[in-house]
Amino acid sequence: MKLELRRNGTTLIAQVSGELDLSTSPAFREQIETKLAEDQLIQHLILDFTEAEFVDSSGLGAILGRYKTLAQRKGRLSAVNVPPHLHRLFELSGLLKVMTIYPSLQEAQNKI
């Protein structure tokens, strides 16, 4: 997994590439939590799955854990460019109860 983070106002945008699984979810969690700890003004997280290939239950847990951090800040969790197989996984796991999927980064940023 490769994770690129950038801030845009009160939003942290995370570009996820490759696989978010048992071996990579700890790094995902640590990198995002570090950025959130460094910048208390960040309220929202947009996950960009354009180059993501696979997410397992560990990855789902890592995503859900970030939602809890954002909820404490009254923020939102969103995802963009989600391939159909991941959209179905997020739907079946119940993650869509706490995360909104948008077709593009621009649309997600406009809704925040």
PDB file of N, CA and C in Angstrom:
ATOM      1  N   MET A   1       0.834  -1.180   0.000  1.00  0.00           N
ATOM      2  CA  MET A   1       0.000   0.000   0.000  1.00  0.00           C
ATOM      3  C   MET A   1       0.880   1.245   0.000  1.00  0.00           C
ATOM      4  N   LYS A   2       0.430   2.202  -0.746  1.00  0.00           N
ATOM      5  CA  LYS A   2       1.056   3.521  -0.747  1.00  0.00           C
ATOM      6  C   LYS A   2      -0.025   4.508  -0.331  1.00  0.00           C
ATOM      7  N   LEU A   3       0.320   5.441   0.548  1.00  0.00           N
ATOM      8  CA  LEU A   3      -0.638   6.417   1.047  1.00  0.00           C
ATOM      9  C   LEU A   3      -0.045   7.810   0.894  1.00  0.00           C
ATOM     10  N   GLU A   4      -0.732   8.646   0.144  1.00  0.00           N
ATOM     11  CA  GLU A   4      -0.322  10.042  -0.014  1.00  0.00           C
ATOM     12  C   GLU A   4      -1.340  10.918   0.689  1.00  0.00           C
ATOM     13  N   LEU A   5      -0.867  11.777   1.586  1.00  0.00           N
ATOM     14  CA  LEU A   5      -1.743  12.656   2.349  1.00  0.00           C
ATOM     15  C   LEU A   5      -1.500  14.107   1.979  1.00  0.00           C
ATOM     16  N   ARG A   6      -2.584  14.850   1.856  1.00  0.00           N
ATOM     17  CA  ARG A   6      -2.463  16.293   1.656  1.00  0.00           C
ATOM     18  C   ARG A   6      -3.660  16.983   2.307  1.00  0.00           C
ATOM     19  N   ARG A   7      -3.427  18.168   2.781  1.00  0.00           N
ATOM     20  CA  ARG A   7      -4.465  18.933   3.466  1.00  0.00           C
ATOM     21  C   ARG A   7      -5.021  19.992   2.532  1.00  0.00           C
ATOM     22  N   ASN A   8      -6.335  20.176   2.594  1.00  0.00           N
ATOM     23  CA  ASN A   8      -7.007  21.231   1.848  1.00  0.00           C
ATOM     24  C   ASN A   8      -8.003  21.870   2.809  1.00  0.00           C
ATOM     25  N   GLY A   9      -7.621  22.976   3.418  1.00  0.00           N
ATOM     26  CA  GLY A   9      -8.473  23.614   4.414  1.00  0.00           C
ATOM     27  C   GLY A   9      -8.602  22.729   5.640  1.00  0.00           C
ATOM     28  N   THR A  10      -9.836  22.395   6.002  1.00  0.00           N
ATOM     29  CA  THR A  10     -10.076  21.539   7.165  1.00  0.00           C
ATOM     30  C   THR A  10     -10.222  20.068   6.762  1.00  0.00           C
ATOM     31  N   THR A  11      -9.821  19.752   5.542  1.00  0.00           N
ATOM     32  CA  THR A  11      -9.975  18.398   5.020  1.00  0.00           C
ATOM     33  C   THR A  11      -8.614  17.756   4.750  1.00  0.00           C
ATOM     34  N   LEU A  12      -8.488  16.499   5.171  1.00  0.00           N
ATOM     35  CA  LEU A  12      -7.315  15.692   4.849  1.00  0.00           C
ATOM     36  C   LEU A  12      -7.726  14.744   3.726  1.00  0.00           C
ATOM     37  N   ILE A  13      -6.981  14.763   2.641  1.00  0.00           N
ATOM     38  CA  ILE A  13      -7.249  13.891   1.503  1.00  0.00           C
ATOM     39  C   ILE A  13      -6.181  12.803   1.500  1.00  0.00           C
ATOM     40  N   ALA A  14      -6.646  11.551   1.491  1.00  0.00           N
ATOM     41  CA  ALA A  14      -5.742  10.403   1.527  1.00  0.00           C
ATOM     42  C   ALA A  14      -5.914   9.575   0.261  1.00  0.00           C
ATOM     43  N   GLN A  15      -4.867   9.546  -0.566  1.00  0.00           N
ATOM     44  CA  GLN A  15      -4.862   8.747  -1.797  1.00  0.00           C
ATOM     45  C   GLN A  15      -4.330   7.363  -1.436  1.00  0.00           C
ATOM     46  N   VAL A  16      -5.204   6.359  -1.523  1.00  0.00           N
ATOM     47  CA  VAL A  16      -4.845   4.985  -1.168  1.00  0.00           C
ATOM     48  C   VAL A  16      -4.523   4.214  -2.447  1.00  0.00           C
ATOM     49  N   SER A  17      -3.342   3.643  -2.517  1.00  0.00           N
ATOM     50  CA  SER A  17      -2.940   2.836  -3.676  1.00  0.00           C
ATOM     51  C   SER A  17      -2.579   1.431  -3.205  1.00  0.00           C
ATOM     52  N   GLY A  18      -2.942   0.444  -4.001  1.00  0.00           N
ATOM     53  CA  GLY A  18      -2.595  -0.939  -3.673  1.00  0.00           C
ATOM     54  C   GLY A  18      -3.606  -1.578  -2.760  1.00  0.00           C
ATOM     55  N   GLU A  19      -3.108  -2.348  -1.780  1.00  0.00           N
ATOM     56  CA  GLU A  19      -3.965  -3.130  -0.905  1.00  0.00           C
ATOM     57  C   GLU A  19      -3.968  -2.580   0.518  1.00  0.00           C
ATOM     58  N   LEU A  20      -5.158  -2.455   1.080  1.00  0.00           N
ATOM     59  CA  LEU A  20      -5.330  -2.048   2.474  1.00  0.00           C
ATOM     60  C   LEU A  20      -5.786  -3.305   3.221  1.00  0.00           C
ATOM     61  N   ASP A  21      -4.831  -3.987   3.840  1.00  0.00           N
ATOM     62  CA  ASP A  21      -5.115  -5.287   4.441  1.00  0.00           C
ATOM     63  C   ASP A  21      -4.401  -5.429   5.784  1.00  0.00           C
ATOM     64  N   LEU A  22      -4.338  -6.645   6.282  1.00  0.00           N
ATOM     65  CA  LEU A  22      -3.752  -6.921   7.589  1.00  0.00           C
ATOM     66  C   LEU A  22      -2.331  -6.379   7.714  1.00  0.00           C
ATOM     67  N   SER A  23      -1.558  -6.489   6.658  1.00  0.00           N
ATOM     68  CA  SER A  23      -0.154  -6.060   6.743  1.00  0.00           C
ATOM     69  C   SER A  23       0.023  -4.549   6.547  1.00  0.00           C
ATOM     70  N   THR A  24      -0.927  -3.889   5.904  1.00  0.00           N
ATOM     71  CA  THR A  24      -0.763  -2.458   5.620  1.00  0.00           C
ATOM     72  C   THR A  24      -1.672  -1.548   6.444  1.00  0.00           C
ATOM     73  N   SER A  25      -2.722  -2.097   7.042  1.00  0.00           N
ATOM     74  CA  SER A  25      -3.647  -1.240   7.787  1.00  0.00           C
ATOM     75  C   SER A  25      -3.010  -0.550   9.000  1.00  0.00           C
ATOM     76  N   PRO A  26      -2.031  -1.168   9.698  1.00  0.00           N
ATOM     77  CA  PRO A  26      -1.393  -0.423  10.795  1.00  0.00           C
ATOM     78  C   PRO A  26      -0.677   0.850  10.308  1.00  0.00           C
ATOM     79  N   ALA A  27      -0.019   0.784   9.167  1.00  0.00           N
ATOM     80  CA  ALA A  27       0.657   1.969   8.619  1.00  0.00           C
ATOM     81  C   ALA A  27      -0.370   3.018   8.191  1.00  0.00           C
ATOM     82  N   PHE A  28      -1.462   2.567   7.588  1.00  0.00           N
ATOM     83  CA  PHE A  28      -2.553   3.471   7.198  1.00  0.00           C
ATOM     84  C   PHE A  28      -3.063   4.227   8.425  1.00  0.00           C
ATOM     85  N   ARG A  29      -3.377   3.465   9.462  1.00  0.00           N
ATOM     86  CA  ARG A  29      -3.906   4.036  10.704  1.00  0.00           C
ATOM     87  C   ARG A  29      -2.903   5.029  11.312  1.00  0.00           C
ATOM     88  N   GLU A  30      -1.657   4.617  11.403  1.00  0.00           N
ATOM     89  CA  GLU A  30      -0.629   5.450  12.035  1.00  0.00           C
ATOM     90  C   GLU A  30      -0.395   6.756  11.272  1.00  0.00           C
ATOM     91  N   GLN A  31      -0.289   6.680   9.954  1.00  0.00           N
ATOM     92  CA  GLN A  31      -0.020   7.882   9.170  1.00  0.00           C
ATOM     93  C   GLN A  31      -1.166   8.890   9.270  1.00  0.00           C
ATOM     94  N   ILE A  32      -2.389   8.405   9.201  1.00  0.00           N
ATOM     95  CA  ILE A  32      -3.530   9.324   9.278  1.00  0.00           C
ATOM     96  C   ILE A  32      -3.676   9.884  10.688  1.00  0.00           C
ATOM     97  N   GLU A  33      -3.550   9.038  11.693  1.00  0.00           N
ATOM     98  CA  GLU A  33      -3.666   9.517  13.077  1.00  0.00           C
ATOM     99  C   GLU A  33      -2.568  10.521  13.414  1.00  0.00           C
ATOM    100  N   THR A  34      -1.364  10.311  12.905  1.00  0.00           N
ATOM    101  CA  THR A  34      -0.277  11.257  13.129  1.00  0.00           C
ATOM    102  C   THR A  34      -0.628  12.611  12.542  1.00  0.00           C
ATOM    103  N   LYS A  35      -1.131  12.611  11.320  1.00  0.00           N
ATOM    104  CA  LYS A  35      -1.503  13.868  10.664  1.00  0.00           C
ATOM    105  C   LYS A  35      -2.636  14.558  11.420  1.00  0.00           C
ATOM    106  N   LEU A  36      -3.627  13.787  11.874  1.00  0.00           N
ATOM    107  CA  LEU A  36      -4.737  14.363  12.628  1.00  0.00           C
ATOM    108  C   LEU A  36      -4.265  14.918  13.970  1.00  0.00           C
ATOM    109  N   ALA A  37      -3.311  14.250  14.602  1.00  0.00           N
ATOM    110  CA  ALA A  37      -2.780  14.722  15.884  1.00  0.00           C
ATOM    111  C   ALA A  37      -1.965  16.003  15.705  1.00  0.00           C
ATOM    112  N   GLU A  38      -1.239  16.093  14.597  1.00  0.00           N
ATOM    113  CA  GLU A  38      -0.408  17.273  14.329  1.00  0.00           C
ATOM    114  C   GLU A  38      -1.247  18.503  14.007  1.00  0.00           C
ATOM    115  N   ASP A  39      -2.410  18.294  13.435  1.00  0.00           N
ATOM    116  CA  ASP A  39      -3.234  19.414  12.975  1.00  0.00           C
ATOM    117  C   ASP A  39      -4.665  19.260  13.487  1.00  0.00           C
ATOM    118  N   GLN A  40      -4.946  19.886  14.597  1.00  0.00           N
ATOM    119  CA  GLN A  40      -6.261  19.789  15.223  1.00  0.00           C
ATOM    120  C   GLN A  40      -7.369  20.489  14.421  1.00  0.00           C
ATOM    121  N   LEU A  41      -6.984  21.270  13.415  1.00  0.00           N
ATOM    122  CA  LEU A  41      -7.985  21.959  12.596  1.00  0.00           C
ATOM    123  C   LEU A  41      -8.609  21.043  11.540  1.00  0.00           C
ATOM    124  N   ILE A  42      -7.988  19.896  11.290  1.00  0.00           N
ATOM    125  CA  ILE A  42      -8.550  18.960  10.313  1.00  0.00           C
ATOM    126  C   ILE A  42      -9.799  18.322  10.917  1.00  0.00           C
ATOM    127  N   GLN A  43     -10.915  18.438  10.188  1.00  0.00           N
ATOM    128  CA  GLN A  43     -12.184  17.869  10.640  1.00  0.00           C
ATOM    129  C   GLN A  43     -12.666  16.734   9.747  1.00  0.00           C
ATOM    130  N   HIS A  44     -12.297  16.770   8.479  1.00  0.00           N
ATOM    131  CA  HIS A  44     -12.855  15.847   7.504  1.00  0.00           C
ATOM    132  C   HIS A  44     -11.754  15.023   6.848  1.00  0.00           C
ATOM    133  N   LEU A  45     -12.135  13.808   6.439  1.00  0.00           N
ATOM    134  CA  LEU A  45     -11.210  12.930   5.738  1.00  0.00           C
ATOM    135  C   LEU A  45     -11.882  12.417   4.479  1.00  0.00           C
ATOM    136  N   ILE A  46     -11.209  12.604   3.358  1.00  0.00           N
ATOM    137  CA  ILE A  46     -11.668  12.049   2.086  1.00  0.00           C
ATOM    138  C   ILE A  46     -10.656  10.992   1.664  1.00  0.00           C
ATOM    139  N   LEU A  47     -11.137   9.770   1.498  1.00  0.00           N
ATOM    140  CA  LEU A  47     -10.302   8.665   1.037  1.00  0.00           C
ATOM    141  C   LEU A  47     -10.496   8.505  -0.463  1.00  0.00           C
ATOM    142  N   ASP A  48      -9.417   8.606  -1.218  1.00  0.00           N
ATOM    143  CA  ASP A  48      -9.470   8.465  -2.674  1.00  0.00           C
ATOM    144  C   ASP A  48      -8.971   7.067  -3.035  1.00  0.00           C
ATOM    145  N   PHE A  49      -9.890   6.256  -3.573  1.00  0.00           N
ATOM    146  CA  PHE A  49      -9.588   4.856  -3.875  1.00  0.00           C
ATOM    147  C   PHE A  49      -9.317   4.621  -5.365  1.00  0.00           C
ATOM    148  N   THR A  50      -8.914   5.658  -6.094  1.00  0.00           N
ATOM    149  CA  THR A  50      -8.659   5.529  -7.524  1.00  0.00           C
ATOM    150  C   THR A  50      -7.712   4.371  -7.828  1.00  0.00           C
ATOM    151  N   GLU A  51      -6.656   4.235  -7.043  1.00  0.00           N
ATOM    152  CA  GLU A  51      -5.639   3.215  -7.314  1.00  0.00           C
ATOM    153  C   GLU A  51      -5.652   2.069  -6.307  1.00  0.00           C
ATOM    154  N   ALA A  52      -6.732   1.955  -5.530  1.00  0.00           N
ATOM    155  CA  ALA A  52      -6.837   0.868  -4.558  1.00  0.00           C
ATOM    156  C   ALA A  52      -7.281  -0.413  -5.258  1.00  0.00           C
ATOM    157  N   GLU A  53      -6.683  -1.506  -4.849  1.00  0.00           N
ATOM    158  CA  GLU A  53      -6.992  -2.798  -5.458  1.00  0.00           C
ATOM    159  C   GLU A  53      -7.813  -3.705  -4.554  1.00  0.00           C
ATOM    160  N   PHE A  54      -7.566  -3.620  -3.234  1.00  0.00           N
ATOM    161  CA  PHE A  54      -8.162  -4.590  -2.323  1.00  0.00           C
ATOM    162  C   PHE A  54      -8.249  -3.989  -0.929  1.00  0.00           C
ATOM    163  N   VAL A  55      -9.341  -4.287  -0.231  1.00  0.00           N
ATOM    164  CA  VAL A  55      -9.500  -3.911   1.172  1.00  0.00           C
ATOM    165  C   VAL A  55     -10.066  -5.136   1.889  1.00  0.00           C
ATOM    166  N   ASP A  56      -9.447  -5.530   3.022  1.00  0.00           N
ATOM    167  CA  ASP A  56      -9.990  -6.649   3.803  1.00  0.00           C
ATOM    168  C   ASP A  56     -10.586  -6.113   5.105  1.00  0.00           C
ATOM    169  N   SER A  57     -10.955  -7.022   6.006  1.00  0.00           N
ATOM    170  CA  SER A  57     -11.608  -6.604   7.245  1.00  0.00           C
ATOM    171  C   SER A  57     -10.702  -5.727   8.112  1.00  0.00           C
ATOM    172  N   SER A  58      -9.404  -5.947   8.055  1.00  0.00           N
ATOM    173  CA  SER A  58      -8.468  -5.089   8.803  1.00  0.00           C
ATOM    174  C   SER A  58      -8.497  -3.668   8.250  1.00  0.00           C
ATOM    175  N   GLY A  59      -8.559  -3.568   6.926  1.00  0.00           N
ATOM    176  CA  GLY A  59      -8.664  -2.259   6.288  1.00  0.00           C
ATOM    177  C   GLY A  59      -9.965  -1.557   6.638  1.00  0.00           C
ATOM    178  N   LEU A  60     -11.062  -2.329   6.659  1.00  0.00           N
ATOM    179  CA  LEU A  60     -12.353  -1.756   7.055  1.00  0.00           C
ATOM    180  C   LEU A  60     -12.286  -1.227   8.482  1.00  0.00           C
ATOM    181  N   GLY A  61     -11.644  -1.986   9.358  1.00  0.00           N
ATOM    182  CA  GLY A  61     -11.493  -1.556  10.748  1.00  0.00           C
ATOM    183  C   GLY A  61     -10.665  -0.293  10.866  1.00  0.00           C
ATOM    184  N   ALA A  62      -9.622  -0.193  10.060  1.00  0.00           N
ATOM    185  CA  ALA A  62      -8.773   1.001  10.082  1.00  0.00           C
ATOM    186  C   ALA A  62      -9.551   2.225   9.609  1.00  0.00           C
ATOM    187  N   ILE A  63     -10.390   2.042   8.598  1.00  0.00           N
ATOM    188  CA  ILE A  63     -11.230   3.146   8.105  1.00  0.00           C
ATOM    189  C   ILE A  63     -12.229   3.558   9.181  1.00  0.00           C
ATOM    190  N   LEU A  64     -12.886   2.575   9.776  1.00  0.00           N
ATOM    191  CA  LEU A  64     -13.884   2.860  10.809  1.00  0.00           C
ATOM    192  C   LEU A  64     -13.268   3.583  12.002  1.00  0.00           C
ATOM    193  N   GLY A  65     -12.073   3.206  12.378  1.00  0.00           N
ATOM    194  CA  GLY A  65     -11.389   3.874  13.483  1.00  0.00           C
ATOM    195  C   GLY A  65     -11.130   5.341  13.200  1.00  0.00           C
ATOM    196  N   ARG A  66     -10.852   5.683  11.945  1.00  0.00           N
ATOM    197  CA  ARG A  66     -10.633   7.081  11.600  1.00  0.00           C
ATOM    198  C   ARG A  66     -11.952   7.859  11.680  1.00  0.00           C
ATOM    199  N   TYR A  67     -13.052   7.195  11.365  1.00  0.00           N
ATOM    200  CA  TYR A  67     -14.363   7.841  11.495  1.00  0.00           C
ATOM    201  C   TYR A  67     -14.590   8.268  12.948  1.00  0.00           C
ATOM    202  N   LYS A  68     -14.231   7.416  13.881  1.00  0.00           N
ATOM    203  CA  LYS A  68     -14.452   7.736  15.291  1.00  0.00           C
ATOM    204  C   LYS A  68     -13.668   8.982  15.699  1.00  0.00           C
ATOM    205  N   THR A  69     -12.451   9.096  15.210  1.00  0.00           N
ATOM    206  CA  THR A  69     -11.647  10.290  15.498  1.00  0.00           C
ATOM    207  C   THR A  69     -12.309  11.536  14.913  1.00  0.00           C
ATOM    208  N   LEU A  70     -12.771  11.431  13.669  1.00  0.00           N
ATOM    209  CA  LEU A  70     -13.404  12.575  13.005  1.00  0.00           C
ATOM    210  C   LEU A  70     -14.727  12.951  13.672  1.00  0.00           C
ATOM    211  N   ALA A  71     -15.478  11.967  14.117  1.00  0.00           N
ATOM    212  CA  ALA A  71     -16.768  12.230  14.761  1.00  0.00           C
ATOM    213  C   ALA A  71     -16.573  13.064  16.029  1.00  0.00           C
ATOM    214  N   GLN A  72     -15.475  12.841  16.740  1.00  0.00           N
ATOM    215  CA  GLN A  72     -15.175  13.631  17.930  1.00  0.00           C
ATOM    216  C   GLN A  72     -14.930  15.102  17.570  1.00  0.00           C
ATOM    217  N   ARG A  73     -14.516  15.330  16.338  1.00  0.00           N
ATOM    218  CA  ARG A  73     -14.254  16.693  15.861  1.00  0.00           C
ATOM    219  C   ARG A  73     -15.449  17.247  15.090  1.00  0.00           C
ATOM    220  N   LYS A  74     -16.555  16.536  15.099  1.00  0.00           N
ATOM    221  CA  LYS A  74     -17.768  16.910  14.356  1.00  0.00           C
ATOM    222  C   LYS A  74     -17.502  16.954  12.851  1.00  0.00           C
ATOM    223  N   GLY A  75     -16.635  16.049  12.396  1.00  0.00           N
ATOM    224  CA  GLY A  75     -16.252  16.002  10.990  1.00  0.00           C
ATOM    225  C   GLY A  75     -16.946  14.878  10.233  1.00  0.00           C
ATOM    226  N   ARG A  76     -16.564  14.743   8.970  1.00  0.00           N
ATOM    227  CA  ARG A  76     -17.173  13.760   8.084  1.00  0.00           C
ATOM    228  C   ARG A  76     -16.115  12.880   7.441  1.00  0.00           C
ATOM    229  N   LEU A  77     -16.524  11.646   7.130  1.00  0.00           N
ATOM    230  CA  LEU A  77     -15.686  10.697   6.416  1.00  0.00           C
ATOM    231  C   LEU A  77     -16.328  10.461   5.062  1.00  0.00           C
ATOM    232  N   SER A  78     -15.549  10.641   4.004  1.00  0.00           N
ATOM    233  CA  SER A  78     -16.046  10.450   2.640  1.00  0.00           C
ATOM    234  C   SER A  78     -15.042   9.617   1.856  1.00  0.00           C
ATOM    235  N   ALA A  79     -15.537   9.048   0.759  1.00  0.00           N
ATOM    236  CA  ALA A  79     -14.676   8.296  -0.153  1.00  0.00           C
ATOM    237  C   ALA A  79     -15.020   8.702  -1.576  1.00  0.00           C
ATOM    238  N   VAL A  80     -14.016   8.672  -2.433  1.00  0.00           N
ATOM    239  CA  VAL A  80     -14.223   9.026  -3.845  1.00  0.00           C
ATOM    240  C   VAL A  80     -13.534   7.994  -4.727  1.00  0.00           C
ATOM    241  N   ASN A  81     -13.991   7.963  -5.971  1.00  0.00           N
ATOM    242  CA  ASN A  81     -13.406   7.075  -6.981  1.00  0.00           C
ATOM    243  C   ASN A  81     -13.344   5.631  -6.483  1.00  0.00           C
ATOM    244  N   VAL A  82     -14.448   5.169  -5.924  1.00  0.00           N
ATOM    245  CA  VAL A  82     -14.519   3.823  -5.351  1.00  0.00           C
ATOM    246  C   VAL A  82     -14.915   2.827  -6.445  1.00  0.00           C
ATOM    247  N   PRO A  83     -14.063   1.843  -6.735  1.00  0.00           N
ATOM    248  CA  PRO A  83     -14.414   0.839  -7.740  1.00  0.00           C
ATOM    249  C   PRO A  83     -15.620   0.013  -7.277  1.00  0.00           C
ATOM    250  N   PRO A  84     -16.355  -0.557  -8.222  1.00  0.00           N
ATOM    251  CA  PRO A  84     -17.570  -1.305  -7.859  1.00  0.00           C
ATOM    252  C   PRO A  84     -17.360  -2.406  -6.815  1.00  0.00           C
ATOM    253  N   HIS A  85     -16.250  -3.146  -6.903  1.00  0.00           N
ATOM    254  CA  HIS A  85     -16.047  -4.222  -5.933  1.00  0.00           C
ATOM    255  C   HIS A  85     -15.838  -3.693  -4.516  1.00  0.00           C
ATOM    256  N   LEU A  86     -15.205  -2.526  -4.382  1.00  0.00           N
ATOM    257  CA  LEU A  86     -15.027  -1.937  -3.054  1.00  0.00           C
ATOM    258  C   LEU A  86     -16.327  -1.286  -2.574  1.00  0.00           C
ATOM    259  N   HIS A  87     -17.077  -0.707  -3.496  1.00  0.00           N
ATOM    260  CA  HIS A  87     -18.365  -0.112  -3.135  1.00  0.00           C
ATOM    261  C   HIS A  87     -19.253  -1.184  -2.514  1.00  0.00           C
ATOM    262  N   ARG A  88     -19.281  -2.347  -3.126  1.00  0.00           N
ATOM    263  CA  ARG A  88     -20.095  -3.466  -2.622  1.00  0.00           C
ATOM    264  C   ARG A  88     -19.599  -3.912  -1.246  1.00  0.00           C
ATOM    265  N   LEU A  89     -18.299  -3.991  -1.058  1.00  0.00           N
ATOM    266  CA  LEU A  89     -17.727  -4.366   0.232  1.00  0.00           C
ATOM    267  C   LEU A  89     -18.126  -3.356   1.311  1.00  0.00           C
ATOM    268  N   PHE A  90     -18.018  -2.075   0.995  1.00  0.00           N
ATOM    269  CA  PHE A  90     -18.377  -1.033   1.966  1.00  0.00           C
ATOM    270  C   PHE A  90     -19.865  -1.113   2.308  1.00  0.00           C
ATOM    271  N   GLU A  91     -20.667  -1.416   1.317  1.00  0.00           N
ATOM    272  CA  GLU A  91     -22.106  -1.543   1.525  1.00  0.00           C
ATOM    273  C   GLU A  91     -22.418  -2.740   2.441  1.00  0.00           C
ATOM    274  N   LEU A  92     -21.855  -3.896   2.122  1.00  0.00           N
ATOM    275  CA  LEU A  92     -22.110  -5.104   2.908  1.00  0.00           C
ATOM    276  C   LEU A  92     -21.587  -5.002   4.339  1.00  0.00           C
ATOM    277  N   SER A  93     -20.501  -4.271   4.522  1.00  0.00           N
ATOM    278  CA  SER A  93     -19.897  -4.163   5.853  1.00  0.00           C
ATOM    279  C   SER A  93     -20.630  -3.167   6.752  1.00  0.00           C
ATOM    280  N   GLY A  94     -21.506  -2.354   6.171  1.00  0.00           N
ATOM    281  CA  GLY A  94     -22.195  -1.329   6.955  1.00  0.00           C
ATOM    282  C   GLY A  94     -21.426  -0.032   7.045  1.00  0.00           C
ATOM    283  N   LEU A  95     -20.284   0.041   6.399  1.00  0.00           N
ATOM    284  CA  LEU A  95     -19.452   1.243   6.453  1.00  0.00           C
ATOM    285  C   LEU A  95     -20.159   2.456   5.858  1.00  0.00           C
ATOM    286  N   LEU A  96     -21.099   2.219   4.939  1.00  0.00           N
ATOM    287  CA  LEU A  96     -21.793   3.347   4.305  1.00  0.00           C
ATOM    288  C   LEU A  96     -22.752   4.052   5.261  1.00  0.00           C
ATOM    289  N   LYS A  97     -22.931   3.506   6.453  1.00  0.00           N
ATOM    290  CA  LYS A  97     -23.736   4.194   7.470  1.00  0.00           C
ATOM    291  C   LYS A  97     -22.974   5.373   8.057  1.00  0.00           C
ATOM    292  N   VAL A  98     -21.636   5.332   7.951  1.00  0.00           N
ATOM    293  CA  VAL A  98     -20.813   6.401   8.531  1.00  0.00           C
ATOM    294  C   VAL A  98     -19.949   7.108   7.486  1.00  0.00           C
ATOM    295  N   MET A  99     -19.954   6.602   6.267  1.00  0.00           N
ATOM    296  CA  MET A  99     -19.118   7.164   5.204  1.00  0.00           C
ATOM    297  C   MET A  99     -19.968   7.392   3.956  1.00  0.00           C
ATOM    298  N   THR A 100     -19.780   8.544   3.322  1.00  0.00           N
ATOM    299  CA  THR A 100     -20.491   8.861   2.095  1.00  0.00           C
ATOM    300  C   THR A 100     -19.547   8.700   0.914  1.00  0.00           C
ATOM    301  N   ILE A 101     -20.042   8.078  -0.152  1.00  0.00           N
ATOM    302  CA  ILE A 101     -19.241   7.908  -1.363  1.00  0.00           C
ATOM    303  C   ILE A 101     -19.687   8.919  -2.405  1.00  0.00           C
ATOM    304  N   TYR A 102     -18.715   9.606  -2.983  1.00  0.00           N
ATOM    305  CA  TYR A 102     -18.964  10.570  -4.055  1.00  0.00           C
ATOM    306  C   TYR A 102     -18.222  10.125  -5.304  1.00  0.00           C
ATOM    307  N   PRO A 103     -18.737  10.487  -6.482  1.00  0.00           N
ATOM    308  CA  PRO A 103     -18.080  10.060  -7.715  1.00  0.00           C
ATOM    309  C   PRO A 103     -16.733  10.735  -7.967  1.00  0.00           C
ATOM    310  N   SER A 104     -16.530  11.931  -7.392  1.00  0.00           N
ATOM    311  CA  SER A 104     -15.281  12.656  -7.651  1.00  0.00           C
ATOM    312  C   SER A 104     -14.836  13.414  -6.411  1.00  0.00           C
ATOM    313  N   LEU A 105     -13.556  13.732  -6.391  1.00  0.00           N
ATOM    314  CA  LEU A 105     -12.983  14.511  -5.300  1.00  0.00           C
ATOM    315  C   LEU A 105     -13.627  15.890  -5.232  1.00  0.00           C
ATOM    316  N   GLN A 106     -13.833  16.497  -6.371  1.00  0.00           N
ATOM    317  CA  GLN A 106     -14.441  17.830  -6.416  1.00  0.00           C
ATOM    318  C   GLN A 106     -15.824  17.829  -5.775  1.00  0.00           C
ATOM    319  N   GLU A 107     -16.625  16.826  -6.103  1.00  0.00           N
ATOM    320  CA  GLU A 107     -17.970  16.750  -5.534  1.00  0.00           C
ATOM    321  C   GLU A 107     -17.930  16.541  -4.024  1.00  0.00           C
ATOM    322  N   ALA A 108     -17.029  15.714  -3.563  1.00  0.00           N
ATOM    323  CA  ALA A 108     -16.894  15.484  -2.119  1.00  0.00           C
ATOM    324  C   ALA A 108     -16.497  16.783  -1.411  1.00  0.00           C
ATOM    325  N   GLN A 109     -15.557  17.505  -1.978  1.00  0.00           N
ATOM    326  CA  GLN A 109     -15.114  18.765  -1.372  1.00  0.00           C
ATOM    327  C   GLN A 109     -16.232  19.793  -1.359  1.00  0.00           C
ATOM    328  N   ASN A 110     -17.082  19.783  -2.382  1.00  0.00           N
ATOM    329  CA  ASN A 110     -18.199  20.725  -2.428  1.00  0.00           C
ATOM    330  C   ASN A 110     -19.262  20.422  -1.381  1.00  0.00           C
ATOM    331  N   LYS A 111     -19.364  19.171  -0.952  1.00  0.00           N
ATOM    332  CA  LYS A 111     -20.398  18.766   0.015  1.00  0.00           C
ATOM    333  C   LYS A 111     -19.981  18.973   1.465  1.00  0.00           C
ATOM    334  N   ILE A 112     -18.707  19.231   1.678  1.00  0.00           N
ATOM    335  CA  ILE A 112     -18.222  19.407   3.058  1.00  0.00           C
ATOM    336  C   ILE A 112     -18.443  20.837   3.518  1.00  0.00           C
TER     337      ILE A 112
END
